Amino acid sequence: MDKNDTIFGKILRGELPSERVYEDDKVLAFKDINAAAPVHILVIPRKHLVNLFDVEMDSEEDKALVGHIMAVAAQVAKEQGLEESGFRLVLNNGAGVGQTVFHMHAHIIGGRDLSWPPG
């Protein structure tokens, strides 16, 4: 397996610092240093997947991992006080839609009005 040299791979290996808010044997959640809202947390799998296109439909492990990311995102959002106001969960899949780090990750974004269309 190729070494994951993305910034997230380096964070997972402890080579770069992060403000961790949750971790287990499958995922790591930490505060985004380029926050787009008062609460902006990334949830990344420990397994290197580029994005959702790398998830194998016939892999129960991959499908369970995606579900786990969603469950962790909900738990972290609650812990961050977003249960009443809500939050946006974003997974960019490809450079053409804004993915800049090619290690699958979910953005938990909240803490301000994110209604669409804006105001």
N, C-alpha and C. Protein backbone atom coordinates (compact mmCIF):
# COMPACT_ATOMS: atom_id res chain seq x y z
N MET A 1 0.85 -1.18 0.00
CA MET A 1 0.00 0.00 0.00
C MET A 1 0.89 1.24 0.00
N ASP A 2 0.55 2.20 -0.84
CA ASP A 2 1.31 3.44 -0.91
C ASP A 2 1.14 4.25 0.37
N LYS A 3 2.19 4.94 0.74
CA LYS A 3 2.13 5.81 1.90
C LYS A 3 1.21 6.99 1.59
N ASN A 4 0.32 7.30 2.50
CA ASN A 4 -0.60 8.42 2.34
C ASN A 4 0.15 9.71 2.67
N ASP A 5 0.59 10.42 1.63
CA ASP A 5 1.36 11.64 1.84
C ASP A 5 0.52 12.90 1.85
N THR A 6 -0.81 12.77 1.92
CA THR A 6 -1.63 13.96 2.03
C THR A 6 -1.44 14.58 3.41
N ILE A 7 -1.91 15.80 3.56
CA ILE A 7 -1.83 16.46 4.87
C ILE A 7 -2.59 15.63 5.92
N PHE A 8 -3.67 14.98 5.50
CA PHE A 8 -4.43 14.16 6.46
C PHE A 8 -3.67 12.91 6.84
N GLY A 9 -2.94 12.33 5.91
CA GLY A 9 -2.09 11.19 6.26
C GLY A 9 -1.06 11.58 7.30
N LYS A 10 -0.49 12.77 7.13
CA LYS A 10 0.50 13.27 8.09
C LYS A 10 -0.13 13.55 9.44
N ILE A 11 -1.36 14.06 9.45
CA ILE A 11 -2.06 14.28 10.72
C ILE A 11 -2.35 12.94 11.40
N LEU A 12 -2.81 11.95 10.63
CA LEU A 12 -3.10 10.63 11.20
C LEU A 12 -1.86 10.00 11.82
N ARG A 13 -0.70 10.20 11.21
CA ARG A 13 0.55 9.63 11.73
C ARG A 13 1.16 10.48 12.84
N GLY A 14 0.57 11.62 13.14
CA GLY A 14 1.10 12.50 14.19
C GLY A 14 2.26 13.35 13.73
N GLU A 15 2.49 13.43 12.42
CA GLU A 15 3.58 14.25 11.89
C GLU A 15 3.21 15.72 11.84
N LEU A 16 1.92 16.02 11.83
CA LEU A 16 1.42 17.40 11.86
C LEU A 16 0.41 17.51 13.00
N PRO A 17 0.37 18.65 13.68
CA PRO A 17 -0.56 18.81 14.80
C PRO A 17 -1.99 19.01 14.31
N SER A 18 -2.93 18.69 15.17
CA SER A 18 -4.35 18.96 14.91
C SER A 18 -5.05 19.09 16.26
N GLU A 19 -6.14 19.84 16.25
CA GLU A 19 -6.95 19.97 17.46
C GLU A 19 -8.05 18.92 17.39
N ARG A 20 -7.76 17.76 17.95
CA ARG A 20 -8.65 16.61 17.85
C ARG A 20 -9.84 16.77 18.78
N VAL A 21 -11.01 16.40 18.25
CA VAL A 21 -12.22 16.44 19.06
C VAL A 21 -12.83 15.06 19.24
N TYR A 22 -12.42 14.09 18.42
CA TYR A 22 -12.90 12.72 18.52
C TYR A 22 -11.95 11.82 17.77
N GLU A 23 -11.74 10.63 18.31
CA GLU A 23 -11.01 9.61 17.54
C GLU A 23 -11.34 8.24 18.07
N ASP A 24 -11.30 7.29 17.15
CA ASP A 24 -11.43 5.88 17.50
C ASP A 24 -10.57 5.09 16.51
N ASP A 25 -10.78 3.79 16.45
CA ASP A 25 -9.93 2.97 15.59
C ASP A 25 -10.24 3.12 14.09
N LYS A 26 -11.35 3.81 13.76
CA LYS A 26 -11.75 3.95 12.36
C LYS A 26 -11.61 5.37 11.81
N VAL A 27 -11.82 6.38 12.66
CA VAL A 27 -11.84 7.77 12.19
C VAL A 27 -11.15 8.71 13.17
N LEU A 28 -10.87 9.90 12.65
CA LEU A 28 -10.34 11.00 13.45
C LEU A 28 -11.14 12.23 13.08
N ALA A 29 -11.55 13.02 14.08
CA ALA A 29 -12.24 14.29 13.84
C ALA A 29 -11.43 15.39 14.50
N PHE A 30 -11.22 16.47 13.74
CA PHE A 30 -10.42 17.59 14.25
C PHE A 30 -10.90 18.89 13.65
N LYS A 31 -10.55 19.99 14.32
CA LYS A 31 -10.98 21.31 13.87
C LYS A 31 -10.23 21.71 12.60
N ASP A 32 -10.97 22.27 11.65
CA ASP A 32 -10.39 22.74 10.40
C ASP A 32 -9.65 24.05 10.67
N ILE A 33 -8.40 24.14 10.24
CA ILE A 33 -7.62 25.36 10.48
C ILE A 33 -8.05 26.50 9.55
N ASN A 34 -8.79 26.19 8.50
CA ASN A 34 -9.34 27.21 7.59
C ASN A 34 -10.86 27.21 7.72
N ALA A 35 -11.34 27.45 8.93
CA ALA A 35 -12.76 27.32 9.23
C ALA A 35 -13.63 28.24 8.38
N ALA A 36 -14.71 27.68 7.85
CA ALA A 36 -15.68 28.43 7.06
C ALA A 36 -16.86 28.89 7.91
N ALA A 37 -16.88 28.50 9.18
CA ALA A 37 -17.97 28.84 10.09
C ALA A 37 -17.44 28.70 11.52
N PRO A 38 -18.19 29.19 12.50
CA PRO A 38 -17.73 29.06 13.89
C PRO A 38 -17.41 27.62 14.29
N VAL A 39 -18.18 26.67 13.78
CA VAL A 39 -17.86 25.25 13.97
C VAL A 39 -17.53 24.68 12.59
N HIS A 40 -16.31 24.18 12.45
CA HIS A 40 -15.90 23.54 11.20
C HIS A 40 -14.93 22.43 11.58
N ILE A 41 -15.43 21.23 11.53
CA ILE A 41 -14.68 20.05 11.95
C ILE A 41 -14.63 19.06 10.80
N LEU A 42 -13.49 18.43 10.62
CA LEU A 42 -13.31 17.42 9.59
C LEU A 42 -13.33 16.04 10.23
N VAL A 43 -14.00 15.11 9.58
CA VAL A 43 -14.00 13.71 10.00
C VAL A 43 -13.34 12.93 8.87
N ILE A 44 -12.23 12.26 9.20
CA ILE A 44 -11.48 11.53 8.18
C ILE A 44 -11.34 10.06 8.61
N PRO A 45 -11.43 9.16 7.65
CA PRO A 45 -11.19 7.76 7.98
C PRO A 45 -9.69 7.49 8.13
N ARG A 46 -9.34 6.57 8.97
CA ARG A 46 -7.93 6.16 9.08
C ARG A 46 -7.50 5.40 7.82
N LYS A 47 -8.44 4.70 7.21
CA LYS A 47 -8.16 4.02 5.95
C LYS A 47 -8.07 5.07 4.85
N HIS A 48 -7.05 4.97 4.02
CA HIS A 48 -6.91 5.94 2.94
C HIS A 48 -7.84 5.60 1.79
N LEU A 49 -8.82 6.46 1.61
CA LEU A 49 -9.71 6.45 0.45
C LEU A 49 -9.62 7.85 -0.14
N VAL A 50 -9.49 7.99 -1.43
CA VAL A 50 -9.38 9.31 -2.04
C VAL A 50 -10.68 10.09 -1.84
N ASN A 51 -11.81 9.47 -2.13
CA ASN A 51 -13.12 10.07 -1.92
C ASN A 51 -14.15 8.95 -2.05
N LEU A 52 -15.41 9.32 -2.14
CA LEU A 52 -16.45 8.28 -2.19
C LEU A 52 -16.32 7.35 -3.39
N PHE A 53 -15.68 7.80 -4.46
CA PHE A 53 -15.49 6.94 -5.63
C PHE A 53 -14.59 5.75 -5.31
N ASP A 54 -13.81 5.81 -4.24
CA ASP A 54 -12.96 4.70 -3.83
C ASP A 54 -13.70 3.67 -2.97
N VAL A 55 -14.89 4.00 -2.52
CA VAL A 55 -15.66 3.08 -1.68
C VAL A 55 -16.17 1.93 -2.57
N GLU A 56 -15.83 0.72 -2.19
CA GLU A 56 -16.24 -0.47 -2.95
C GLU A 56 -17.64 -0.91 -2.53
N MET A 57 -18.55 -0.97 -3.48
CA MET A 57 -19.93 -1.37 -3.18
C MET A 57 -20.03 -2.78 -2.62
N ASP A 58 -19.11 -3.66 -2.99
CA ASP A 58 -19.17 -5.03 -2.48
C ASP A 58 -18.33 -5.22 -1.22
N SER A 59 -17.84 -4.11 -0.65
CA SER A 59 -17.05 -4.19 0.57
C SER A 59 -17.89 -3.76 1.77
N GLU A 60 -18.25 -4.74 2.59
CA GLU A 60 -19.01 -4.42 3.80
C GLU A 60 -18.20 -3.50 4.70
N GLU A 61 -16.88 -3.67 4.73
CA GLU A 61 -16.01 -2.81 5.54
C GLU A 61 -16.11 -1.36 5.09
N ASP A 62 -16.02 -1.12 3.77
CA ASP A 62 -16.10 0.25 3.26
C ASP A 62 -17.46 0.87 3.54
N LYS A 63 -18.52 0.11 3.30
CA LYS A 63 -19.87 0.64 3.54
C LYS A 63 -20.08 0.94 5.02
N ALA A 64 -19.59 0.08 5.89
CA ALA A 64 -19.70 0.33 7.33
C ALA A 64 -18.89 1.57 7.72
N LEU A 65 -17.74 1.76 7.10
CA LEU A 65 -16.91 2.92 7.39
C LEU A 65 -17.62 4.22 7.03
N VAL A 66 -18.26 4.27 5.88
CA VAL A 66 -19.00 5.46 5.47
C VAL A 66 -20.14 5.74 6.47
N GLY A 67 -20.84 4.70 6.88
CA GLY A 67 -21.88 4.86 7.89
C GLY A 67 -21.32 5.35 9.21
N HIS A 68 -20.16 4.84 9.57
CA HIS A 68 -19.51 5.26 10.82
C HIS A 68 -19.14 6.74 10.76
N ILE A 69 -18.64 7.19 9.62
CA ILE A 69 -18.31 8.61 9.45
C ILE A 69 -19.56 9.46 9.70
N MET A 70 -20.70 9.05 9.15
CA MET A 70 -21.95 9.79 9.34
C MET A 70 -22.37 9.81 10.81
N ALA A 71 -22.27 8.66 11.47
CA ALA A 71 -22.65 8.57 12.88
C ALA A 71 -21.74 9.43 13.75
N VAL A 72 -20.44 9.40 13.47
CA VAL A 72 -19.49 10.22 14.23
C VAL A 72 -19.79 11.70 13.99
N ALA A 73 -20.08 12.06 12.74
CA ALA A 73 -20.40 13.46 12.44
C ALA A 73 -21.59 13.93 13.27
N ALA A 74 -22.63 13.12 13.36
CA ALA A 74 -23.80 13.49 14.16
C ALA A 74 -23.45 13.64 15.63
N GLN A 75 -22.66 12.71 16.15
CA GLN A 75 -22.26 12.78 17.57
C GLN A 75 -21.42 14.02 17.84
N VAL A 76 -20.44 14.28 16.99
CA VAL A 76 -19.57 15.44 17.17
C VAL A 76 -20.39 16.73 17.06
N ALA A 77 -21.32 16.80 16.10
CA ALA A 77 -22.16 17.99 15.96
C ALA A 77 -22.96 18.23 17.24
N LYS A 78 -23.50 17.18 17.83
CA LYS A 78 -24.22 17.32 19.11
C LYS A 78 -23.29 17.85 20.18
N GLU A 79 -22.09 17.27 20.28
CA GLU A 79 -21.12 17.70 21.29
C GLU A 79 -20.69 19.15 21.10
N GLN A 80 -20.77 19.64 19.86
CA GLN A 80 -20.40 21.02 19.56
C GLN A 80 -21.58 21.98 19.73
N GLY A 81 -22.72 21.47 20.19
CA GLY A 81 -23.88 22.30 20.45
C GLY A 81 -24.71 22.64 19.22
N LEU A 82 -24.63 21.82 18.17
CA LEU A 82 -25.33 22.12 16.93
C LEU A 82 -26.67 21.41 16.79
N GLU A 83 -27.09 20.71 17.82
CA GLU A 83 -28.31 19.91 17.69
C GLU A 83 -29.54 20.78 17.42
N GLU A 84 -29.64 21.94 18.06
CA GLU A 84 -30.80 22.80 17.86
C GLU A 84 -30.73 23.58 16.54
N SER A 85 -29.57 24.14 16.24
CA SER A 85 -29.44 24.98 15.04
C SER A 85 -29.19 24.18 13.77
N GLY A 86 -28.68 22.98 13.90
CA GLY A 86 -28.39 22.14 12.75
C GLY A 86 -26.98 22.36 12.23
N PHE A 87 -26.63 21.57 11.23
CA PHE A 87 -25.29 21.66 10.64
C PHE A 87 -25.35 21.16 9.22
N ARG A 88 -24.35 21.51 8.47
CA ARG A 88 -24.21 21.02 7.11
C ARG A 88 -23.09 19.98 7.13
N LEU A 89 -23.28 18.88 6.39
CA LEU A 89 -22.26 17.86 6.25
C LEU A 89 -21.89 17.81 4.77
N VAL A 90 -20.62 18.08 4.46
CA VAL A 90 -20.17 18.19 3.08
C VAL A 90 -19.07 17.18 2.82
N LEU A 91 -19.19 16.43 1.73
CA LEU A 91 -18.14 15.53 1.25
C LEU A 91 -17.89 15.91 -0.21
N ASN A 92 -16.79 16.57 -0.48
CA ASN A 92 -16.44 16.93 -1.85
C ASN A 92 -15.78 15.72 -2.51
N ASN A 93 -16.17 15.43 -3.74
CA ASN A 93 -15.68 14.26 -4.44
C ASN A 93 -15.12 14.66 -5.80
N GLY A 94 -13.87 15.09 -5.80
CA GLY A 94 -13.19 15.49 -7.03
C GLY A 94 -12.79 16.95 -7.02
N ALA A 95 -11.72 17.25 -7.73
CA ALA A 95 -11.19 18.61 -7.79
C ALA A 95 -12.21 19.58 -8.36
N GLY A 96 -13.04 19.14 -9.29
CA GLY A 96 -14.00 20.01 -9.93
C GLY A 96 -15.08 20.55 -9.02
N VAL A 97 -15.23 19.95 -7.85
CA VAL A 97 -16.23 20.44 -6.89
C VAL A 97 -15.60 20.94 -5.60
N GLY A 98 -14.29 21.13 -5.64
CA GLY A 98 -13.63 21.75 -4.49
C GLY A 98 -12.81 20.84 -3.60
N GLN A 99 -12.68 19.56 -3.94
CA GLN A 99 -11.83 18.71 -3.11
C GLN A 99 -10.38 19.10 -3.32
N THR A 100 -9.71 19.48 -2.23
CA THR A 100 -8.31 19.91 -2.33
C THR A 100 -7.36 18.94 -1.65
N VAL A 101 -7.87 18.14 -0.72
CA VAL A 101 -7.06 17.10 -0.08
C VAL A 101 -7.65 15.77 -0.52
N PHE A 102 -6.82 14.95 -1.16
CA PHE A 102 -7.32 13.72 -1.76
C PHE A 102 -7.21 12.53 -0.81
N HIS A 103 -7.87 12.72 0.32
CA HIS A 103 -8.14 11.70 1.34
C HIS A 103 -9.56 12.02 1.76
N MET A 104 -10.47 11.06 1.61
CA MET A 104 -11.88 11.31 1.89
C MET A 104 -12.06 11.98 3.24
N HIS A 105 -12.93 12.98 3.26
CA HIS A 105 -13.22 13.66 4.52
C HIS A 105 -14.58 14.32 4.45
N ALA A 106 -15.22 14.40 5.60
CA ALA A 106 -16.51 15.06 5.73
C ALA A 106 -16.31 16.32 6.55
N HIS A 107 -16.91 17.42 6.08
CA HIS A 107 -16.88 18.69 6.79
C HIS A 107 -18.16 18.83 7.60
N ILE A 108 -18.05 19.03 8.91
CA ILE A 108 -19.17 19.40 9.75
C ILE A 108 -19.10 20.92 9.85
N ILE A 109 -20.11 21.62 9.34
CA ILE A 109 -20.09 23.08 9.30
C ILE A 109 -21.36 23.60 9.96
N GLY A 110 -21.19 24.49 10.94
CA GLY A 110 -22.35 25.04 11.63
C GLY A 110 -21.97 26.20 12.53
N GLY A 111 -22.94 26.62 13.32
CA GLY A 111 -22.70 27.71 14.26
C GLY A 111 -23.06 29.08 13.70
N ARG A 112 -23.60 29.11 12.48
CA ARG A 112 -24.13 30.34 11.89
C ARG A 112 -25.21 29.95 10.89
N ASP A 113 -25.95 30.94 10.39
CA ASP A 113 -27.01 30.67 9.44
C ASP A 113 -26.43 30.16 8.13
N LEU A 114 -26.76 28.95 7.78
CA LEU A 114 -26.30 28.33 6.52
C LEU A 114 -27.47 28.01 5.61
N SER A 115 -28.62 28.65 5.85
CA SER A 115 -29.79 28.34 5.04
C SER A 115 -29.53 28.71 3.58
N TRP A 116 -30.24 28.00 2.70
CA TRP A 116 -30.06 28.21 1.27
C TRP A 116 -31.41 28.40 0.62
N PRO A 117 -31.60 29.37 -0.23
CA PRO A 117 -30.58 30.36 -0.61
C PRO A 117 -30.35 31.35 0.52
N PRO A 118 -29.15 31.96 0.53
CA PRO A 118 -28.83 32.92 1.60
C PRO A 118 -29.83 34.06 1.63
N GLY A 119 -30.06 34.53 2.82
CA GLY A 119 -30.88 35.52 3.13
C GLY A 119 -31.64 36.58 2.89
